[in-house]
Amino acid sequence: MNIYVTPRFCLASMLPCGRVGGLPVPREELDTMMMKRSFDVVVSGLGIVATAPLLLLVAVVIKLNSKGPVFYRGERVGRFGRMFRIFKFRTMCVDAERVGGSSTSNDDPRITRVGGFLRRFKLDELPQLFNVLDGTMSFVGPRPQVAPLVELYTPDQRRLLDVRPGITDYASLRFRNLGQILEGADDPDEAYLRLVAPEKIRLGLYYVEHSNFWTDLHIIVATVISVALRFDVLTIPDLSEQSPADETTDEREDGCDDARAAA
């Protein structure tokens, strides 16, 4: 026998309810989710077609520039805790995880010559259009994390798993120069946890609570302008006065011979 606990907001709204992940969802909220998913499918499909020549060019340059695969395919935790493999262009040489931490500064010796350029203009994120198309990610949502770090989430922080992880969000805009923030740090992982993680997770939770289709559109447009023109056009909520929360790091990729020698 299946027993479901119906949230109070569903009864209070007196709206017909659909189900997502086995739980009741108000019809109005379900319609918004369907609109978001339809947008993701259509725009990611068109984006793959439109950027196909660029994707091919970047793949060839990566292959010619350094040894190793074209793509980085790390495991991440997706919506409702389901595991998936993220698509990214490889920006570091092989075995970076063995010779360095998970946080990457601009002066990290593991980054390849091409990788630095790709990271600066976020071109390494383009293959995530395939993740958006297959439904493991969305254009907008908290950045996905690796399983061991998600296991450290508090019950409140696990609300980040209520939505699909995204390519961009409020935190991505605020910390678009993350590599520069961590540059020069003796321990980039420690610097990330101290300078970035608390605010990043607060912004992620804020998005979960306040997200809607029009907010997503604003974040997408702001991200494009931020990457292309290098300035901010969206007012990001200031949550710095709220109680701090721990968060996980975002990226584990491959490393290079220089870092291996230094280690």
Foldseek 3Di string as FASTA:
>chain_A
DDDADADPVQVVVVADWDDDPRYTDGPVVVVQVVVQLVCLQVVLVVLCVVCVVVVVVQQVCLVVQADDHQWWWDWFQWAPRDIGTATFGAQFAAAPVVLAPFFAALPPQRGTPSSSVCLLLVVRRSVNSVVSNVPQAGQEAAFTDHDVFLVPDDPLLCLSNNDGHHSDYLLCLVCVNVNHQQPPPPHSVVSCQPPRFQVSSVRRSVCSVDPGDVNSVVRVVQSNCCSPVVDGDDDRDDPVPDDTDTGHDRGDHGGDDVSVVVD
